[in-house]
N, C-alpha and C. Protein backbone atom coordinates (compact mmCIF):
# COMPACT_ATOMS: atom_id res chain seq x y z
N MET A 1 45.40 142.22 140.99
CA MET A 1 44.94 140.96 140.43
C MET A 1 43.76 140.46 141.25
N THR A 2 42.72 140.06 140.55
CA THR A 2 41.55 139.50 141.21
C THR A 2 41.54 138.00 141.00
N ILE A 3 41.38 137.28 142.09
CA ILE A 3 41.32 135.82 142.04
C ILE A 3 39.86 135.39 142.07
N LYS A 4 39.49 134.57 141.11
CA LYS A 4 38.14 134.03 141.05
C LYS A 4 38.03 132.92 142.10
N SER A 5 37.00 132.97 142.91
CA SER A 5 36.86 131.99 143.99
C SER A 5 36.45 130.62 143.44
N SER A 6 36.75 129.60 144.22
CA SER A 6 36.34 128.25 143.83
C SER A 6 34.82 128.16 143.75
N LYS A 7 34.12 128.88 144.63
CA LYS A 7 32.65 128.88 144.59
C LYS A 7 32.16 129.46 143.26
N THR A 8 32.78 130.53 142.81
CA THR A 8 32.41 131.13 141.53
C THR A 8 32.66 130.16 140.39
N LEU A 9 33.81 129.48 140.42
CA LEU A 9 34.12 128.51 139.38
C LEU A 9 33.08 127.39 139.33
N VAL A 10 32.70 126.88 140.50
CA VAL A 10 31.69 125.82 140.56
C VAL A 10 30.34 126.35 140.08
N ASP A 11 29.96 127.54 140.53
CA ASP A 11 28.69 128.13 140.10
C ASP A 11 28.64 128.30 138.58
N GLU A 12 29.74 128.75 137.99
CA GLU A 12 29.80 128.91 136.53
C GLU A 12 29.69 127.55 135.83
N ALA A 13 30.36 126.55 136.38
CA ALA A 13 30.29 125.21 135.79
C ALA A 13 28.85 124.67 135.84
N LEU A 14 28.19 124.86 136.96
CA LEU A 14 26.83 124.33 137.12
C LEU A 14 25.84 124.93 136.13
N LYS A 15 26.16 126.10 135.61
CA LYS A 15 25.28 126.74 134.63
C LYS A 15 25.34 126.06 133.26
N ILE A 16 26.43 125.36 132.98
CA ILE A 16 26.59 124.81 131.63
C ILE A 16 26.68 123.29 131.57
N ILE A 17 26.80 122.62 132.71
CA ILE A 17 26.91 121.17 132.70
C ILE A 17 25.58 120.53 133.07
N GLU A 18 25.47 119.24 132.77
CA GLU A 18 24.30 118.48 133.19
C GLU A 18 24.53 117.94 134.60
N THR A 19 23.57 118.18 135.47
CA THR A 19 23.61 117.65 136.82
C THR A 19 22.52 116.60 136.96
N GLN A 20 22.89 115.42 137.40
CA GLN A 20 21.94 114.34 137.60
C GLN A 20 21.73 114.09 139.08
N ASP A 21 20.50 113.78 139.45
CA ASP A 21 20.28 113.39 140.84
C ASP A 21 20.72 111.93 141.00
N PRO A 22 21.03 111.53 142.23
CA PRO A 22 21.53 110.16 142.45
C PRO A 22 20.55 109.07 142.04
N VAL A 23 19.25 109.33 142.13
CA VAL A 23 18.25 108.32 141.76
C VAL A 23 18.34 108.02 140.26
N MET A 24 18.40 109.06 139.43
CA MET A 24 18.53 108.88 137.98
C MET A 24 19.86 108.20 137.66
N THR A 25 20.90 108.58 138.37
CA THR A 25 22.21 107.99 138.14
C THR A 25 22.18 106.49 138.47
N LYS A 26 21.53 106.12 139.55
CA LYS A 26 21.44 104.70 139.92
C LYS A 26 20.68 103.92 138.85
N LYS A 27 19.62 104.51 138.32
CA LYS A 27 18.85 103.86 137.26
C LYS A 27 19.73 103.62 136.03
N LEU A 28 20.46 104.64 135.60
CA LEU A 28 21.36 104.49 134.46
C LEU A 28 22.44 103.44 134.73
N HIS A 29 22.97 103.46 135.94
CA HIS A 29 24.02 102.50 136.32
C HIS A 29 23.47 101.07 136.32
N ASP A 30 22.30 100.89 136.91
CA ASP A 30 21.68 99.56 136.96
C ASP A 30 21.36 99.03 135.56
N GLU A 31 21.01 99.94 134.64
CA GLU A 31 20.70 99.55 133.26
C GLU A 31 21.95 99.50 132.36
N GLU A 32 23.12 99.73 132.98
CA GLU A 32 24.41 99.72 132.27
C GLU A 32 24.44 100.71 131.11
N LYS A 33 23.87 101.90 131.33
CA LYS A 33 23.81 102.93 130.31
C LYS A 33 24.80 104.07 130.58
N CYS A 34 25.62 103.90 131.61
CA CYS A 34 26.61 104.94 131.91
C CYS A 34 27.88 104.31 132.45
N ILE A 35 28.93 105.11 132.40
CA ILE A 35 30.18 104.76 133.05
C ILE A 35 30.33 105.72 134.22
N LEU A 36 30.26 105.19 135.43
CA LEU A 36 30.47 106.02 136.61
C LEU A 36 31.96 106.24 136.80
N ILE A 37 32.34 107.50 137.00
CA ILE A 37 33.74 107.83 137.21
C ILE A 37 33.88 108.54 138.55
N ASP A 38 34.57 107.88 139.44
CA ASP A 38 34.84 108.40 140.78
C ASP A 38 36.16 109.16 140.73
N ILE A 39 36.10 110.48 140.91
CA ILE A 39 37.32 111.29 140.80
C ILE A 39 37.94 111.61 142.16
N ARG A 40 37.43 110.98 143.21
CA ARG A 40 37.98 111.25 144.54
C ARG A 40 39.42 110.74 144.66
N ASP A 41 40.11 111.24 145.63
CA ASP A 41 41.46 110.83 145.95
C ASP A 41 41.44 109.38 146.46
N ILE A 42 42.49 108.64 146.20
CA ILE A 42 42.56 107.24 146.61
C ILE A 42 42.34 107.08 148.11
N ARG A 43 42.78 108.05 148.91
CA ARG A 43 42.58 107.96 150.37
C ARG A 43 41.11 108.02 150.73
N GLU A 44 40.32 108.76 149.95
CA GLU A 44 38.88 108.82 150.20
C GLU A 44 38.25 107.45 149.92
N LEU A 45 38.67 106.80 148.87
CA LEU A 45 38.15 105.46 148.56
C LEU A 45 38.55 104.47 149.65
N GLN A 46 39.78 104.56 150.12
CA GLN A 46 40.25 103.65 151.16
C GLN A 46 39.48 103.86 152.47
N ASN A 47 39.17 105.11 152.79
CA ASN A 47 38.48 105.42 154.05
C ASN A 47 36.97 105.21 154.00
N GLU A 48 36.36 105.51 152.85
CA GLU A 48 34.90 105.53 152.78
C GLU A 48 34.31 104.45 151.89
N GLY A 49 35.15 103.80 151.09
CA GLY A 49 34.66 102.81 150.14
C GLY A 49 34.37 103.44 148.80
N SER A 50 33.89 102.62 147.88
CA SER A 50 33.60 103.10 146.54
C SER A 50 32.31 102.47 146.03
N ILE A 51 31.78 103.04 144.98
CA ILE A 51 30.58 102.51 144.35
C ILE A 51 30.98 101.29 143.53
N LYS A 52 30.30 100.18 143.77
CA LYS A 52 30.60 98.96 143.02
C LYS A 52 30.37 99.21 141.53
N GLY A 53 31.38 98.91 140.73
CA GLY A 53 31.30 99.08 139.29
C GLY A 53 31.77 100.43 138.78
N ALA A 54 32.10 101.36 139.69
CA ALA A 54 32.59 102.67 139.26
C ALA A 54 34.07 102.57 138.88
N LEU A 55 34.45 103.38 137.93
CA LEU A 55 35.84 103.48 137.49
C LEU A 55 36.49 104.60 138.29
N HIS A 56 37.63 104.30 138.90
CA HIS A 56 38.33 105.34 139.65
C HIS A 56 39.35 106.03 138.75
N ILE A 57 39.16 107.33 138.57
CA ILE A 57 40.15 108.16 137.88
C ILE A 57 40.42 109.34 138.79
N PRO A 58 41.60 109.39 139.42
CA PRO A 58 41.89 110.53 140.29
C PRO A 58 41.75 111.84 139.52
N ARG A 59 41.24 112.85 140.18
CA ARG A 59 40.99 114.15 139.52
C ARG A 59 42.21 114.65 138.77
N GLY A 60 43.37 114.46 139.32
CA GLY A 60 44.59 114.97 138.69
C GLY A 60 44.97 114.26 137.40
N MET A 61 44.36 113.10 137.14
CA MET A 61 44.69 112.34 135.92
C MET A 61 43.57 112.36 134.88
N LEU A 62 42.43 112.94 135.21
CA LEU A 62 41.24 112.86 134.36
C LEU A 62 41.51 113.29 132.92
N GLU A 63 42.06 114.47 132.73
CA GLU A 63 42.29 114.98 131.37
C GLU A 63 43.24 114.08 130.59
N PHE A 64 44.23 113.53 131.26
CA PHE A 64 45.23 112.70 130.60
C PHE A 64 44.67 111.33 130.23
N TRP A 65 43.89 110.73 131.13
CA TRP A 65 43.33 109.41 130.87
C TRP A 65 42.22 109.45 129.84
N LEU A 66 41.60 110.63 129.63
CA LEU A 66 40.51 110.73 128.66
C LEU A 66 40.90 111.49 127.40
N ASP A 67 42.16 111.79 127.23
CA ASP A 67 42.67 112.45 126.02
C ASP A 67 43.24 111.39 125.08
N PRO A 68 42.57 111.13 123.96
CA PRO A 68 43.05 110.10 123.03
C PRO A 68 44.48 110.35 122.52
N SER A 69 44.96 111.57 122.57
CA SER A 69 46.33 111.84 122.10
C SER A 69 47.37 111.73 123.21
N SER A 70 46.93 111.46 124.42
CA SER A 70 47.84 111.35 125.56
C SER A 70 48.40 109.94 125.68
N PRO A 71 49.67 109.83 126.06
CA PRO A 71 50.23 108.48 126.29
C PRO A 71 49.55 107.77 127.47
N TYR A 72 48.79 108.51 128.28
CA TYR A 72 48.10 107.93 129.43
C TYR A 72 46.66 107.53 129.12
N PHE A 73 46.20 107.76 127.88
CA PHE A 73 44.82 107.47 127.50
C PHE A 73 44.46 106.03 127.83
N LYS A 74 43.30 105.84 128.44
CA LYS A 74 42.82 104.52 128.84
C LYS A 74 41.74 104.04 127.87
N LYS A 75 42.15 103.79 126.65
CA LYS A 75 41.21 103.40 125.59
C LYS A 75 40.34 102.22 126.01
N GLU A 76 40.93 101.23 126.66
CA GLU A 76 40.19 100.03 127.05
C GLU A 76 39.06 100.33 128.04
N LYS A 77 39.16 101.41 128.74
CA LYS A 77 38.13 101.78 129.72
C LYS A 77 36.95 102.49 129.08
N PHE A 78 37.14 103.06 127.89
CA PHE A 78 36.12 103.89 127.26
C PHE A 78 35.76 103.42 125.86
N ASN A 79 35.66 102.10 125.71
CA ASN A 79 35.39 101.56 124.39
C ASN A 79 33.91 101.62 123.99
N ASP A 80 33.03 102.01 124.90
CA ASP A 80 31.61 102.13 124.56
C ASP A 80 31.22 103.61 124.58
N SER A 81 31.34 104.25 123.42
CA SER A 81 31.11 105.69 123.34
C SER A 81 29.63 106.06 123.46
N ASN A 82 28.74 105.06 123.47
CA ASN A 82 27.32 105.35 123.61
C ASN A 82 26.92 105.57 125.06
N LYS A 83 27.77 105.18 125.98
CA LYS A 83 27.45 105.34 127.39
C LYS A 83 27.80 106.74 127.88
N LYS A 84 26.92 107.28 128.70
CA LYS A 84 27.17 108.58 129.31
C LYS A 84 28.26 108.45 130.36
N LEU A 85 29.17 109.40 130.39
CA LEU A 85 30.18 109.47 131.45
C LEU A 85 29.59 110.30 132.58
N VAL A 86 29.46 109.69 133.76
CA VAL A 86 28.87 110.36 134.91
C VAL A 86 29.91 110.42 136.01
N LEU A 87 30.35 111.64 136.31
CA LEU A 87 31.40 111.86 137.29
C LEU A 87 30.82 112.14 138.66
N PHE A 88 31.55 111.72 139.69
CA PHE A 88 31.18 112.09 141.05
C PHE A 88 32.43 112.22 141.91
N CYS A 89 32.29 113.04 142.94
CA CYS A 89 33.33 113.20 143.94
C CYS A 89 32.65 113.00 145.29
N ALA A 90 33.13 113.61 146.34
CA ALA A 90 32.53 113.42 147.65
C ALA A 90 31.19 114.14 147.76
N GLY A 91 31.14 115.40 147.30
CA GLY A 91 29.93 116.19 147.49
C GLY A 91 29.38 116.88 146.25
N GLY A 92 30.10 116.81 145.14
CA GLY A 92 29.60 117.38 143.90
C GLY A 92 30.29 118.64 143.43
N LEU A 93 31.31 119.11 144.13
CA LEU A 93 32.00 120.33 143.71
C LEU A 93 33.11 120.02 142.71
N ARG A 94 34.00 119.12 143.07
CA ARG A 94 35.09 118.76 142.15
C ARG A 94 34.54 118.14 140.87
N SER A 95 33.49 117.33 141.00
CA SER A 95 32.94 116.69 139.81
C SER A 95 32.28 117.70 138.88
N ALA A 96 31.74 118.78 139.43
CA ALA A 96 31.18 119.83 138.57
C ALA A 96 32.28 120.46 137.73
N LEU A 97 33.40 120.78 138.36
CA LEU A 97 34.52 121.37 137.63
C LEU A 97 35.09 120.38 136.61
N ALA A 98 35.20 119.11 136.99
CA ALA A 98 35.75 118.09 136.10
C ALA A 98 34.83 117.86 134.90
N THR A 99 33.53 117.89 135.12
CA THR A 99 32.58 117.71 134.03
C THR A 99 32.68 118.86 133.04
N LYS A 100 32.83 120.08 133.56
CA LYS A 100 33.02 121.24 132.68
C LYS A 100 34.28 121.07 131.84
N THR A 101 35.33 120.56 132.44
CA THR A 101 36.57 120.33 131.72
C THR A 101 36.37 119.32 130.58
N LEU A 102 35.63 118.25 130.84
CA LEU A 102 35.38 117.26 129.79
C LEU A 102 34.57 117.87 128.65
N LEU A 103 33.62 118.75 128.97
CA LEU A 103 32.88 119.46 127.92
C LEU A 103 33.85 120.30 127.08
N GLU A 104 34.76 120.99 127.75
CA GLU A 104 35.73 121.82 127.05
C GLU A 104 36.67 120.98 126.18
N MET A 105 36.90 119.73 126.58
CA MET A 105 37.74 118.82 125.80
C MET A 105 37.00 118.29 124.57
N GLY A 106 35.68 118.42 124.56
CA GLY A 106 34.90 117.95 123.42
C GLY A 106 33.96 116.80 123.72
N TYR A 107 33.98 116.30 124.93
CA TYR A 107 33.03 115.25 125.31
C TYR A 107 31.64 115.87 125.38
N LYS A 108 30.65 115.14 124.89
CA LYS A 108 29.28 115.66 124.85
C LYS A 108 28.35 114.98 125.85
N ASN A 109 28.47 113.67 126.00
CA ASN A 109 27.55 112.88 126.80
C ASN A 109 28.12 112.70 128.21
N VAL A 110 28.18 113.82 128.94
CA VAL A 110 28.77 113.82 130.28
C VAL A 110 27.84 114.52 131.27
N ALA A 111 27.94 114.11 132.52
CA ALA A 111 27.15 114.72 133.59
C ALA A 111 27.89 114.49 134.90
N HIS A 112 27.39 115.11 135.95
CA HIS A 112 27.93 114.84 137.28
C HIS A 112 26.77 114.62 138.23
N VAL A 113 27.07 113.99 139.36
CA VAL A 113 26.04 113.62 140.33
C VAL A 113 25.92 114.69 141.40
N ASP A 114 24.71 115.22 141.53
CA ASP A 114 24.41 116.20 142.58
C ASP A 114 24.57 115.53 143.95
N GLY A 115 25.41 116.11 144.79
CA GLY A 115 25.62 115.57 146.13
C GLY A 115 26.69 114.52 146.22
N GLY A 116 27.20 114.07 145.08
CA GLY A 116 28.33 113.16 145.04
C GLY A 116 28.15 111.85 145.79
N PHE A 117 29.26 111.29 146.23
CA PHE A 117 29.29 109.99 146.89
C PHE A 117 28.38 109.96 148.11
N GLY A 118 28.37 111.05 148.86
CA GLY A 118 27.52 111.10 150.05
C GLY A 118 26.06 110.87 149.71
N ALA A 119 25.57 111.53 148.67
CA ALA A 119 24.18 111.37 148.25
C ALA A 119 23.95 110.00 147.64
N MET A 120 24.94 109.48 146.95
CA MET A 120 24.80 108.16 146.32
C MET A 120 24.69 107.06 147.38
N CYS A 121 25.39 107.22 148.48
CA CYS A 121 25.30 106.25 149.57
C CYS A 121 23.89 106.18 150.14
N GLN A 122 23.17 107.31 150.09
CA GLN A 122 21.81 107.39 150.61
C GLN A 122 20.78 106.87 149.62
N THR A 123 21.21 106.50 148.41
CA THR A 123 20.29 106.18 147.32
C THR A 123 20.31 104.70 146.96
N GLY A 124 21.02 103.89 147.71
CA GLY A 124 20.99 102.45 147.47
C GLY A 124 22.07 101.89 146.58
N PHE A 125 23.07 102.69 146.23
CA PHE A 125 24.20 102.16 145.48
C PHE A 125 24.93 101.12 146.34
N SER A 126 25.46 100.09 145.70
CA SER A 126 26.27 99.10 146.42
C SER A 126 27.64 99.70 146.69
N ILE A 127 28.03 99.70 147.95
CA ILE A 127 29.31 100.26 148.36
C ILE A 127 30.25 99.11 148.66
N GLN A 128 31.46 99.22 148.15
CA GLN A 128 32.47 98.20 148.45
C GLN A 128 33.64 98.84 149.19
N LYS A 129 34.15 98.14 150.15
CA LYS A 129 35.33 98.59 150.87
C LYS A 129 36.41 97.55 150.70
N ASP A 130 37.56 98.01 150.26
CA ASP A 130 38.71 97.11 150.11
C ASP A 130 39.62 97.33 151.31
N ASN A 131 39.55 96.43 152.24
CA ASN A 131 40.38 96.58 153.45
C ASN A 131 41.57 95.67 153.39
C-alpha cells in the first residue's frame, strides 16, 4: 500500500483551487465582499488571536457546517451567497485542503489565503485577542 503524503495532497489541491494573496483578501474583507473563515483550532485562536470579523469554523466541522442537508448547517452564517468564502489557517496548508473539499462539495466562489494567518498579520488585518 502506498500512502499519499500530505505535501502531495496540498500540491494537488493548489493546482485546482484559487489562492489569494493577503493584500487582495484584505481589500475584499474591507469592502465586505467575502466571508473570512478561520479553520484553525480553537487553541490557536486563544494563543495567537483572530482576524476581526472572521468566522471561526474548526477544520473538523467545516463540511458539516456548510452542508445544507446536515443538522449542523449554519444557514444564518451563510445567508449572502454572493460573497466569496475565503478560508485561512495558520500557514495555508490546511486551508488549501479545506478549499478543495468545498469545491468538491459544489461550492464555486471559494478561495484560500496564501500564507494564512501569519501572512495576514503582516498585511494590516485587525487582530483581536480574547483573553
